[in-house]
Amino acid sequence: MKRFLWIFAALAVMAFAGCNKVEEVKWYDGFEDGGPFRDGNFVRFIYVDEYGNDLIDPSDLSTLPVASIRLLESAPELPGDYDPETGWYCDELNQVVYNDYRQHYEYFTWVYGDSRRSDYTFYVYFKGQPDRMDVRHKYVDQRDDDGYYYSTVVQWQVNGVTVYPNRYSQWYTYVYVCKSSDGSTSVEIH
């Protein structure tokens, strides 16, 4: 039995020694030849009032949040292309769907960035008022099929509150944006 254990140990050592060492991925803050992009993400926004009631109502287009890559001088136009079957609108840059588990409408927008730098700011307008999205990206010096550098979000703040990464280890991050009747906004992760 002792001999068998020695043979097994020797074979295990040879097997591990024979494995190729995987190169560690190197991440970068940006590339000179980069450019603007948008990417999918696992952050979902739920807009509620101070009592926890839904503020998004797809039958009222004025309640649909709208993303913008810059701070606008006036409120964005109401989306005219809302598709009630899929929830997509604004040329499929925004989506609102009902989340049965959370019992609220959830909002999705692409995460925006520019691979020439790591930090990027964009805005999401709700009823004409902007919420600031500060995102930090890291990049790998490989490109996808469309010619964009592979990226990952390493930090996301909404109105100065860090929502990603967060203390919850889950697939999706649900960000509750509470718009109170007194005009204040608070941000929480649930």
N, C-alpha and C. Protein backbone atom coordinates (compact mmCIF):
# COMPACT_ATOMS: atom_id res chain seq x y z
N MET A 1 0.82 -1.18 0.00
CA MET A 1 0.00 0.00 0.00
C MET A 1 0.87 1.25 0.00
N LYS A 2 1.98 1.21 0.81
CA LYS A 2 2.88 2.34 0.86
C LYS A 2 3.49 2.61 -0.50
N ARG A 3 3.84 1.54 -1.19
CA ARG A 3 4.45 1.67 -2.51
C ARG A 3 3.45 2.32 -3.48
N PHE A 4 2.18 1.92 -3.41
CA PHE A 4 1.15 2.50 -4.26
C PHE A 4 1.02 4.00 -4.02
N LEU A 5 1.07 4.42 -2.77
CA LEU A 5 0.96 5.85 -2.46
C LEU A 5 2.15 6.62 -3.03
N TRP A 6 3.35 6.04 -2.96
CA TRP A 6 4.54 6.70 -3.51
C TRP A 6 4.43 6.83 -5.03
N ILE A 7 3.96 5.78 -5.68
CA ILE A 7 3.80 5.83 -7.14
C ILE A 7 2.75 6.89 -7.51
N PHE A 8 1.64 6.90 -6.77
CA PHE A 8 0.59 7.88 -7.03
C PHE A 8 1.13 9.30 -6.84
N ALA A 9 1.88 9.53 -5.77
CA ALA A 9 2.44 10.84 -5.50
C ALA A 9 3.40 11.25 -6.60
N ALA A 10 4.24 10.33 -7.06
CA ALA A 10 5.20 10.64 -8.13
C ALA A 10 4.47 11.00 -9.42
N LEU A 11 3.43 10.24 -9.76
CA LEU A 11 2.66 10.53 -10.97
C LEU A 11 1.96 11.89 -10.86
N ALA A 12 1.44 12.22 -9.68
CA ALA A 12 0.77 13.50 -9.49
C ALA A 12 1.76 14.66 -9.66
N VAL A 13 2.96 14.52 -9.11
CA VAL A 13 3.97 15.56 -9.25
C VAL A 13 4.34 15.74 -10.72
N MET A 14 4.53 14.63 -11.45
CA MET A 14 4.87 14.74 -12.88
C MET A 14 3.73 15.38 -13.66
N ALA A 15 2.50 15.07 -13.31
CA ALA A 15 1.36 15.65 -14.03
C ALA A 15 1.29 17.15 -13.82
N PHE A 16 1.49 17.58 -12.57
CA PHE A 16 1.45 19.01 -12.30
C PHE A 16 2.63 19.74 -12.92
N ALA A 17 3.78 19.09 -12.93
CA ALA A 17 4.97 19.72 -13.51
C ALA A 17 4.84 19.85 -15.02
N GLY A 18 4.08 18.96 -15.62
CA GLY A 18 3.92 18.98 -17.07
C GLY A 18 2.91 19.99 -17.57
N CYS A 19 2.12 20.56 -16.68
CA CYS A 19 1.11 21.54 -17.09
C CYS A 19 1.80 22.80 -17.56
N ASN A 20 1.26 23.36 -18.64
CA ASN A 20 1.78 24.65 -19.11
C ASN A 20 1.34 25.74 -18.17
N LYS A 21 2.23 26.65 -17.93
CA LYS A 21 1.90 27.78 -17.08
C LYS A 21 1.04 28.75 -17.89
N VAL A 22 -0.13 29.08 -17.35
CA VAL A 22 -1.03 29.99 -18.02
C VAL A 22 -0.54 31.42 -17.78
N GLU A 23 -0.44 32.17 -18.85
CA GLU A 23 0.01 33.56 -18.71
C GLU A 23 -1.07 34.37 -18.01
N GLU A 24 -0.63 35.21 -17.09
CA GLU A 24 -1.55 36.07 -16.38
C GLU A 24 -1.99 37.20 -17.30
N VAL A 25 -3.28 37.50 -17.27
CA VAL A 25 -3.82 38.58 -18.09
C VAL A 25 -3.35 39.91 -17.52
N LYS A 26 -2.89 40.79 -18.39
CA LYS A 26 -2.47 42.12 -17.96
C LYS A 26 -3.55 43.12 -18.33
N TRP A 27 -3.96 43.90 -17.33
CA TRP A 27 -5.01 44.90 -17.51
C TRP A 27 -4.39 46.28 -17.65
N TYR A 28 -5.04 47.12 -18.46
CA TYR A 28 -4.54 48.47 -18.75
C TYR A 28 -5.61 49.50 -18.45
N ASP A 29 -5.17 50.75 -18.24
CA ASP A 29 -6.10 51.85 -17.99
C ASP A 29 -6.63 52.48 -19.27
N GLY A 30 -6.02 52.19 -20.39
CA GLY A 30 -6.48 52.75 -21.66
C GLY A 30 -5.45 52.57 -22.75
N PHE A 31 -5.89 52.86 -23.99
CA PHE A 31 -5.03 52.73 -25.16
C PHE A 31 -5.22 53.96 -26.05
N GLU A 32 -4.13 54.47 -26.59
CA GLU A 32 -4.19 55.67 -27.44
C GLU A 32 -5.11 55.48 -28.64
N ASP A 33 -5.13 54.27 -29.19
CA ASP A 33 -5.95 54.03 -30.39
C ASP A 33 -7.36 53.53 -30.03
N GLY A 34 -7.76 53.70 -28.77
CA GLY A 34 -9.09 53.28 -28.35
C GLY A 34 -10.15 54.26 -28.80
N GLY A 35 -11.34 54.08 -28.32
CA GLY A 35 -12.44 54.95 -28.69
C GLY A 35 -13.69 54.65 -27.88
N PRO A 36 -14.77 55.39 -28.12
CA PRO A 36 -16.02 55.20 -27.38
C PRO A 36 -16.62 53.82 -27.65
N PHE A 37 -17.30 53.27 -26.64
CA PHE A 37 -17.97 51.98 -26.77
C PHE A 37 -19.12 51.92 -25.78
N ARG A 38 -19.94 50.91 -25.93
CA ARG A 38 -20.95 50.57 -24.94
C ARG A 38 -20.92 49.06 -24.79
N ASP A 39 -21.27 48.60 -23.59
CA ASP A 39 -21.16 47.18 -23.31
C ASP A 39 -22.28 46.75 -22.37
N GLY A 40 -22.59 45.48 -22.37
CA GLY A 40 -23.59 44.93 -21.46
C GLY A 40 -23.07 44.93 -20.04
N ASN A 41 -23.95 44.71 -19.08
CA ASN A 41 -23.55 44.69 -17.67
C ASN A 41 -24.63 43.99 -16.87
N PHE A 42 -24.36 43.80 -15.59
CA PHE A 42 -25.29 43.12 -14.70
C PHE A 42 -25.89 44.05 -13.66
N VAL A 43 -25.92 45.36 -13.94
CA VAL A 43 -26.51 46.33 -13.04
C VAL A 43 -27.92 46.66 -13.54
N ARG A 44 -28.89 46.57 -12.64
CA ARG A 44 -30.27 46.90 -12.97
C ARG A 44 -30.76 47.95 -11.98
N PHE A 45 -31.50 48.92 -12.49
CA PHE A 45 -31.98 50.03 -11.68
C PHE A 45 -33.48 49.90 -11.45
N ILE A 46 -33.88 50.14 -10.22
CA ILE A 46 -35.30 50.14 -9.87
C ILE A 46 -35.60 51.50 -9.25
N TYR A 47 -36.49 52.25 -9.89
CA TYR A 47 -36.85 53.59 -9.43
C TYR A 47 -38.11 53.50 -8.57
N VAL A 48 -37.99 53.99 -7.32
CA VAL A 48 -39.10 53.94 -6.38
C VAL A 48 -39.25 55.29 -5.69
N ASP A 49 -40.43 55.49 -5.08
CA ASP A 49 -40.63 56.68 -4.25
C ASP A 49 -40.23 56.33 -2.81
N GLU A 50 -40.40 57.28 -1.89
CA GLU A 50 -39.96 57.05 -0.51
C GLU A 50 -40.75 55.96 0.20
N TYR A 51 -41.87 55.52 -0.38
CA TYR A 51 -42.67 54.44 0.21
C TYR A 51 -42.41 53.09 -0.48
N GLY A 52 -41.48 53.07 -1.43
CA GLY A 52 -41.14 51.82 -2.12
C GLY A 52 -42.02 51.52 -3.31
N ASN A 53 -42.85 52.47 -3.73
CA ASN A 53 -43.73 52.27 -4.89
C ASN A 53 -42.96 52.51 -6.18
N ASP A 54 -43.31 51.72 -7.19
CA ASP A 54 -42.70 51.88 -8.51
C ASP A 54 -42.91 53.29 -9.05
N LEU A 55 -41.86 53.86 -9.62
CA LEU A 55 -42.00 55.13 -10.32
C LEU A 55 -41.99 54.95 -11.83
N ILE A 56 -41.61 53.77 -12.28
CA ILE A 56 -41.61 53.48 -13.71
C ILE A 56 -42.96 52.86 -14.07
N ASP A 57 -43.59 53.42 -15.09
CA ASP A 57 -44.86 52.91 -15.61
C ASP A 57 -44.77 52.98 -17.13
N PRO A 58 -44.52 51.83 -17.79
CA PRO A 58 -44.34 51.86 -19.25
C PRO A 58 -45.51 52.46 -20.03
N SER A 59 -46.70 52.53 -19.43
CA SER A 59 -47.82 53.16 -20.14
C SER A 59 -47.70 54.68 -20.13
N ASP A 60 -46.80 55.21 -19.31
CA ASP A 60 -46.53 56.65 -19.24
C ASP A 60 -45.08 56.85 -19.66
N LEU A 61 -44.86 57.23 -20.92
CA LEU A 61 -43.50 57.34 -21.45
C LEU A 61 -42.63 58.34 -20.68
N SER A 62 -43.24 59.28 -19.96
CA SER A 62 -42.45 60.25 -19.21
C SER A 62 -41.73 59.61 -18.02
N THR A 63 -42.12 58.38 -17.65
CA THR A 63 -41.48 57.70 -16.52
C THR A 63 -40.36 56.76 -16.95
N LEU A 64 -40.09 56.68 -18.24
CA LEU A 64 -39.03 55.78 -18.70
C LEU A 64 -37.67 56.49 -18.59
N PRO A 65 -36.72 55.90 -17.85
CA PRO A 65 -35.38 56.50 -17.77
C PRO A 65 -34.70 56.48 -19.14
N VAL A 66 -33.87 57.48 -19.39
CA VAL A 66 -33.17 57.60 -20.66
C VAL A 66 -31.70 57.91 -20.39
N ALA A 67 -30.80 57.11 -20.96
CA ALA A 67 -29.36 57.31 -20.79
C ALA A 67 -28.85 58.34 -21.80
N SER A 68 -27.81 59.06 -21.38
CA SER A 68 -27.16 60.04 -22.24
C SER A 68 -25.66 59.99 -21.98
N ILE A 69 -24.86 60.08 -23.04
CA ILE A 69 -23.41 60.04 -22.86
C ILE A 69 -22.86 61.37 -22.38
N ARG A 70 -23.71 62.39 -22.27
CA ARG A 70 -23.24 63.69 -21.76
C ARG A 70 -24.38 64.36 -20.99
N LEU A 71 -24.02 65.34 -20.17
CA LEU A 71 -25.00 66.12 -19.44
C LEU A 71 -25.68 67.06 -20.43
N LEU A 72 -27.00 67.00 -20.48
CA LEU A 72 -27.77 67.77 -21.46
C LEU A 72 -28.19 69.12 -20.88
N GLU A 73 -28.39 70.10 -21.75
CA GLU A 73 -28.84 71.42 -21.31
C GLU A 73 -30.33 71.41 -20.97
N SER A 74 -31.08 70.48 -21.55
CA SER A 74 -32.49 70.32 -21.22
C SER A 74 -32.81 68.83 -21.20
N ALA A 75 -33.98 68.50 -20.68
CA ALA A 75 -34.37 67.10 -20.57
C ALA A 75 -34.42 66.43 -21.94
N PRO A 76 -34.06 65.15 -22.02
CA PRO A 76 -34.13 64.46 -23.30
C PRO A 76 -35.58 64.28 -23.74
N GLU A 77 -35.75 64.06 -25.02
CA GLU A 77 -37.10 63.82 -25.55
C GLU A 77 -37.65 62.51 -25.01
N LEU A 78 -38.98 62.45 -24.92
CA LEU A 78 -39.60 61.20 -24.49
C LEU A 78 -39.37 60.14 -25.56
N PRO A 79 -39.11 58.91 -25.14
CA PRO A 79 -38.90 57.85 -26.13
C PRO A 79 -40.19 57.58 -26.90
N GLY A 80 -40.08 57.56 -28.20
CA GLY A 80 -41.25 57.30 -29.04
C GLY A 80 -41.28 55.90 -29.60
N ASP A 81 -40.24 55.11 -29.32
CA ASP A 81 -40.16 53.78 -29.92
C ASP A 81 -40.23 52.65 -28.89
N TYR A 82 -40.91 52.89 -27.76
CA TYR A 82 -41.02 51.86 -26.73
C TYR A 82 -41.76 50.65 -27.28
N ASP A 83 -41.17 49.47 -27.13
CA ASP A 83 -41.78 48.21 -27.57
C ASP A 83 -42.30 47.47 -26.34
N PRO A 84 -43.62 47.41 -26.14
CA PRO A 84 -44.17 46.78 -24.94
C PRO A 84 -43.86 45.28 -24.82
N GLU A 85 -43.58 44.63 -25.92
CA GLU A 85 -43.26 43.19 -25.87
C GLU A 85 -41.87 42.92 -25.34
N THR A 86 -40.89 43.72 -25.74
CA THR A 86 -39.50 43.50 -25.34
C THR A 86 -39.02 44.48 -24.28
N GLY A 87 -39.68 45.64 -24.17
CA GLY A 87 -39.28 46.66 -23.22
C GLY A 87 -38.18 47.58 -23.73
N TRP A 88 -37.69 47.34 -24.96
CA TRP A 88 -36.60 48.17 -25.51
C TRP A 88 -37.14 49.49 -26.04
N TYR A 89 -36.30 50.53 -25.95
CA TYR A 89 -36.64 51.84 -26.52
C TYR A 89 -35.36 52.63 -26.74
N CYS A 90 -35.50 53.78 -27.36
CA CYS A 90 -34.34 54.63 -27.73
C CYS A 90 -33.33 53.83 -28.55
N ASP A 91 -33.80 53.26 -29.65
CA ASP A 91 -32.95 52.46 -30.54
C ASP A 91 -32.26 51.31 -29.80
N GLU A 92 -32.99 50.68 -28.90
CA GLU A 92 -32.51 49.54 -28.11
C GLU A 92 -31.29 49.87 -27.26
N LEU A 93 -31.24 51.10 -26.77
CA LEU A 93 -30.17 51.50 -25.83
C LEU A 93 -30.65 51.43 -24.39
N ASN A 94 -31.96 51.35 -24.19
CA ASN A 94 -32.57 51.29 -22.86
C ASN A 94 -33.64 50.21 -22.87
N GLN A 95 -33.89 49.63 -21.69
CA GLN A 95 -34.92 48.62 -21.59
C GLN A 95 -35.56 48.67 -20.20
N VAL A 96 -36.88 48.51 -20.18
CA VAL A 96 -37.64 48.38 -18.94
C VAL A 96 -38.45 47.11 -19.03
N VAL A 97 -38.28 46.24 -18.03
CA VAL A 97 -39.07 45.00 -17.94
C VAL A 97 -39.53 44.81 -16.51
N TYR A 98 -40.60 44.05 -16.34
CA TYR A 98 -41.11 43.80 -15.00
C TYR A 98 -40.36 42.62 -14.40
N ASN A 99 -39.88 42.80 -13.17
CA ASN A 99 -39.18 41.75 -12.44
C ASN A 99 -40.17 41.14 -11.46
N ASP A 100 -40.65 39.93 -11.77
CA ASP A 100 -41.65 39.27 -10.93
C ASP A 100 -41.15 39.03 -9.51
N TYR A 101 -39.90 38.67 -9.38
CA TYR A 101 -39.36 38.38 -8.05
C TYR A 101 -39.31 39.64 -7.19
N ARG A 102 -38.87 40.74 -7.76
CA ARG A 102 -38.74 41.99 -7.00
C ARG A 102 -40.04 42.80 -6.99
N GLN A 103 -40.98 42.43 -7.84
CA GLN A 103 -42.28 43.12 -7.90
C GLN A 103 -42.13 44.60 -8.25
N HIS A 104 -41.18 44.88 -9.14
CA HIS A 104 -40.94 46.24 -9.63
C HIS A 104 -40.48 46.17 -11.08
N TYR A 105 -40.63 47.30 -11.77
CA TYR A 105 -40.01 47.43 -13.08
C TYR A 105 -38.53 47.68 -12.89
N GLU A 106 -37.71 47.04 -13.70
CA GLU A 106 -36.27 47.27 -13.64
C GLU A 106 -35.81 47.89 -14.95
N TYR A 107 -34.80 48.72 -14.83
CA TYR A 107 -34.27 49.47 -15.97
C TYR A 107 -32.85 49.00 -16.28
N PHE A 108 -32.59 48.81 -17.57
CA PHE A 108 -31.25 48.45 -18.05
C PHE A 108 -30.78 49.52 -19.02
N THR A 109 -29.52 49.89 -18.91
CA THR A 109 -28.85 50.68 -19.93
C THR A 109 -27.47 50.08 -20.14
N TRP A 110 -26.96 50.25 -21.33
CA TRP A 110 -25.60 49.83 -21.60
C TRP A 110 -24.66 50.64 -20.74
N VAL A 111 -23.52 50.07 -20.39
CA VAL A 111 -22.49 50.84 -19.71
C VAL A 111 -21.64 51.48 -20.80
N TYR A 112 -21.37 52.75 -20.66
CA TYR A 112 -20.62 53.49 -21.67
C TYR A 112 -19.17 53.67 -21.22
N GLY A 113 -18.29 53.85 -22.17
CA GLY A 113 -16.89 54.08 -21.86
C GLY A 113 -16.14 54.57 -23.08
N ASP A 114 -14.86 54.82 -22.88
CA ASP A 114 -13.96 55.22 -23.95
C ASP A 114 -12.62 54.56 -23.63
N SER A 115 -12.19 53.62 -24.46
CA SER A 115 -11.01 52.81 -24.15
C SER A 115 -9.70 53.59 -24.21
N ARG A 116 -9.76 54.89 -24.44
CA ARG A 116 -8.56 55.72 -24.33
C ARG A 116 -8.27 56.08 -22.88
N ARG A 117 -9.24 55.85 -21.99
CA ARG A 117 -9.06 56.17 -20.57
C ARG A 117 -9.91 55.21 -19.73
N SER A 118 -9.60 55.13 -18.46
CA SER A 118 -10.32 54.20 -17.60
C SER A 118 -11.62 54.79 -17.04
N ASP A 119 -11.64 56.07 -16.73
CA ASP A 119 -12.81 56.68 -16.11
C ASP A 119 -13.73 57.29 -17.16
N TYR A 120 -15.03 57.10 -16.95
CA TYR A 120 -16.02 57.63 -17.89
C TYR A 120 -17.27 58.01 -17.11
N THR A 121 -17.89 59.12 -17.48
CA THR A 121 -19.12 59.57 -16.85
C THR A 121 -20.21 59.67 -17.90
N PHE A 122 -21.37 59.10 -17.57
CA PHE A 122 -22.57 59.29 -18.39
C PHE A 122 -23.73 59.54 -17.44
N TYR A 123 -24.91 59.77 -17.99
CA TYR A 123 -26.05 60.17 -17.16
C TYR A 123 -27.27 59.35 -17.54
N VAL A 124 -28.14 59.14 -16.54
CA VAL A 124 -29.45 58.56 -16.78
C VAL A 124 -30.47 59.57 -16.29
N TYR A 125 -31.34 59.97 -17.20
CA TYR A 125 -32.37 60.96 -16.87
C TYR A 125 -33.66 60.25 -16.47
N PHE A 126 -34.23 60.71 -15.36
CA PHE A 126 -35.54 60.24 -14.94
C PHE A 126 -36.42 61.46 -14.73
N LYS A 127 -37.48 61.54 -15.51
CA LYS A 127 -38.39 62.69 -15.49
C LYS A 127 -37.62 64.00 -15.62
N GLY A 128 -36.64 64.00 -16.50
CA GLY A 128 -35.89 65.20 -16.82
C GLY A 128 -34.71 65.50 -15.91
N GLN A 129 -34.55 64.75 -14.82
CA GLN A 129 -33.48 64.99 -13.86
C GLN A 129 -32.37 63.94 -14.03
N PRO A 130 -31.10 64.39 -14.10
CA PRO A 130 -30.02 63.43 -14.34
C PRO A 130 -29.50 62.77 -13.06
N ASP A 131 -29.17 61.50 -13.19
CA ASP A 131 -28.40 60.77 -12.18
C ASP A 131 -27.05 60.50 -12.81
N ARG A 132 -26.00 60.82 -12.09
CA ARG A 132 -24.64 60.71 -12.62
C ARG A 132 -24.11 59.30 -12.43
N MET A 133 -23.57 58.74 -13.51
CA MET A 133 -22.97 57.41 -13.52
C MET A 133 -21.47 57.56 -13.78
N ASP A 134 -20.66 57.29 -12.76
CA ASP A 134 -19.21 57.32 -12.90
C ASP A 134 -18.72 55.88 -12.93
N VAL A 135 -18.08 55.51 -14.03
CA VAL A 135 -17.66 54.13 -14.24
C VAL A 135 -16.15 54.09 -14.47
N ARG A 136 -15.51 53.09 -13.88
CA ARG A 136 -14.08 52.87 -14.12
C ARG A 136 -13.93 51.51 -14.82
N HIS A 137 -13.23 51.55 -15.96
CA HIS A 137 -12.99 50.35 -16.76
C HIS A 137 -11.51 49.96 -16.68
N LYS A 138 -11.25 48.69 -16.92
CA LYS A 138 -9.90 48.19 -17.17
C LYS A 138 -9.97 47.43 -18.49
N TYR A 139 -8.85 47.41 -19.22
CA TYR A 139 -8.84 46.84 -20.57
C TYR A 139 -7.73 45.81 -20.72
N VAL A 140 -7.97 44.86 -21.61
CA VAL A 140 -6.97 43.88 -22.03
C VAL A 140 -6.56 44.27 -23.44
N ASP A 141 -5.28 44.13 -23.78
CA ASP A 141 -4.86 44.57 -25.12
C ASP A 141 -5.17 43.53 -26.19
N GLN A 142 -6.38 43.05 -26.15
CA GLN A 142 -6.92 42.19 -27.20
C GLN A 142 -8.23 42.83 -27.65
N ARG A 143 -8.60 42.57 -28.87
CA ARG A 143 -9.82 43.17 -29.40
C ARG A 143 -10.86 42.10 -29.72
N ASP A 144 -12.11 42.49 -29.62
CA ASP A 144 -13.19 41.58 -29.99
C ASP A 144 -13.40 41.62 -31.50
N ASP A 145 -14.40 40.91 -31.97
CA ASP A 145 -14.66 40.83 -33.42
C ASP A 145 -15.02 42.18 -34.03
N ASP A 146 -15.53 43.10 -33.23
CA ASP A 146 -15.90 44.43 -33.74
C ASP A 146 -14.75 45.43 -33.65
N GLY A 147 -13.60 45.00 -33.16
CA GLY A 147 -12.44 45.89 -33.09
C GLY A 147 -12.31 46.68 -31.81
N TYR A 148 -13.17 46.40 -30.81
CA TYR A 148 -13.10 47.10 -29.53
C TYR A 148 -12.23 46.31 -28.56
N TYR A 149 -11.51 47.03 -27.70
CA TYR A 149 -10.72 46.35 -26.67
C TYR A 149 -11.65 45.67 -25.67
N TYR A 150 -11.26 44.48 -25.23
CA TYR A 150 -12.02 43.82 -24.17
C TYR A 150 -11.88 44.65 -22.90
N SER A 151 -13.02 44.82 -22.21
CA SER A 151 -13.01 45.65 -21.01
C SER A 151 -13.81 44.97 -19.91
N THR A 152 -13.59 45.45 -18.70
CA THR A 152 -14.40 45.04 -17.57
C THR A 152 -14.62 46.26 -16.69
N VAL A 153 -15.77 46.33 -16.06
CA VAL A 153 -16.07 47.41 -15.14
C VAL A 153 -15.49 47.02 -13.78
N VAL A 154 -14.66 47.88 -13.22
CA VAL A 154 -14.08 47.60 -11.91
C VAL A 154 -14.71 48.47 -10.82
N GLN A 155 -15.43 49.53 -11.21
CA GLN A 155 -16.15 50.34 -10.24
C GLN A 155 -17.26 51.10 -10.96
N TRP A 156 -18.41 51.23 -10.27
CA TRP A 156 -19.54 51.99 -10.79
C TRP A 156 -20.14 52.76 -9.62
N GLN A 157 -20.26 54.06 -9.79
CA GLN A 157 -20.89 54.91 -8.78
C GLN A 157 -22.11 55.59 -9.39
N VAL A 158 -23.17 55.69 -8.59
CA VAL A 158 -24.38 56.41 -8.98
C VAL A 158 -24.53 57.57 -8.00
N ASN A 159 -24.46 58.79 -8.51
CA ASN A 159 -24.54 59.98 -7.67
C ASN A 159 -23.55 59.91 -6.51
N GLY A 160 -22.36 59.38 -6.76
CA GLY A 160 -21.32 59.31 -5.74
C GLY A 160 -21.37 58.09 -4.84
N VAL A 161 -22.40 57.25 -4.97
CA VAL A 161 -22.53 56.04 -4.15
C VAL A 161 -22.02 54.84 -4.97
N THR A 162 -21.05 54.12 -4.40
CA THR A 162 -20.51 52.96 -5.10
C THR A 162 -21.53 51.82 -5.08
N VAL A 163 -21.94 51.38 -6.28
CA VAL A 163 -22.90 50.29 -6.39
C VAL A 163 -22.25 49.01 -6.92
N TYR A 164 -21.07 49.15 -7.50
CA TYR A 164 -20.34 47.98 -7.99
C TYR A 164 -18.85 48.27 -7.92
N PRO A 165 -18.03 47.38 -7.37
CA PRO A 165 -18.46 46.15 -6.72
C PRO A 165 -19.17 46.46 -5.41
N ASN A 166 -19.95 45.51 -4.95
CA ASN A 166 -20.69 45.71 -3.71
C ASN A 166 -20.51 44.50 -2.80
N ARG A 167 -21.04 44.60 -1.61
CA ARG A 167 -20.85 43.54 -0.62
C ARG A 167 -21.68 42.30 -0.91
N TYR A 168 -22.61 42.41 -1.83
CA TYR A 168 -23.44 41.26 -2.19
C TYR A 168 -22.79 40.52 -3.34
N SER A 169 -22.57 39.25 -3.16
CA SER A 169 -22.02 38.43 -4.25
C SER A 169 -23.20 37.78 -4.96
N GLN A 170 -23.63 38.41 -5.99
CA GLN A 170 -24.76 37.88 -6.75
C GLN A 170 -24.54 38.16 -8.22
N TRP A 171 -25.30 37.51 -9.04
CA TRP A 171 -25.15 37.65 -10.48
C TRP A 171 -25.48 39.07 -10.92
N TYR A 172 -26.66 39.57 -10.50
CA TYR A 172 -27.07 40.93 -10.85
C TYR A 172 -26.94 41.84 -9.63
N THR A 173 -26.69 43.11 -9.88
CA THR A 173 -26.71 44.12 -8.84
C THR A 173 -27.96 44.96 -9.06
N TYR A 174 -28.82 45.00 -8.05
CA TYR A 174 -30.06 45.78 -8.15
C TYR A 174 -29.87 47.08 -7.37
N VAL A 175 -29.92 48.19 -8.09
CA VAL A 175 -29.73 49.50 -7.51
C VAL A 175 -31.09 50.17 -7.42
N TYR A 176 -31.50 50.48 -6.20
CA TYR A 176 -32.76 51.18 -5.97
C TYR A 176 -32.47 52.67 -5.91
N VAL A 177 -33.07 53.40 -6.83
CA VAL A 177 -32.93 54.85 -6.87
C VAL A 177 -34.25 55.41 -6.35
N CYS A 178 -34.18 55.99 -5.14
CA CYS A 178 -35.38 56.50 -4.49
C CYS A 178 -35.50 58.00 -4.76
N LYS A 179 -36.58 58.36 -5.43
CA LYS A 179 -36.88 59.76 -5.72
C LYS A 179 -38.01 60.19 -4.76
N SER A 180 -37.63 60.94 -3.76
CA SER A 180 -38.60 61.36 -2.73
C SER A 180 -39.42 62.56 -3.21
N SER A 181 -40.56 62.75 -2.59
CA SER A 181 -41.45 63.85 -2.97
C SER A 181 -40.83 65.21 -2.65
N ASP A 182 -39.83 65.27 -1.76
CA ASP A 182 -39.17 66.54 -1.46
C ASP A 182 -38.08 66.88 -2.48
N GLY A 183 -37.92 66.05 -3.50
CA GLY A 183 -36.95 66.32 -4.56
C GLY A 183 -35.59 65.67 -4.35
N SER A 184 -35.39 65.02 -3.20
CA SER A 184 -34.10 64.38 -2.94
C SER A 184 -34.04 62.99 -3.59
N THR A 185 -32.82 62.52 -3.80
CA THR A 185 -32.58 61.21 -4.38
C THR A 185 -31.62 60.45 -3.49
N SER A 186 -31.94 59.20 -3.21
CA SER A 186 -31.01 58.34 -2.49
C SER A 186 -30.81 57.06 -3.30
N VAL A 187 -29.67 56.42 -3.06
CA VAL A 187 -29.29 55.22 -3.82
C VAL A 187 -28.96 54.11 -2.83
N GLU A 188 -29.58 52.95 -3.03
CA GLU A 188 -29.32 51.79 -2.18
C GLU A 188 -29.19 50.54 -3.05
N ILE A 189 -28.44 49.58 -2.52
CA ILE A 189 -28.31 48.28 -3.19
C ILE A 189 -29.11 47.27 -2.38
N HIS A 190 -29.93 46.50 -3.05
CA HIS A 190 -30.74 45.46 -2.37
C HIS A 190 -30.40 44.11 -2.93
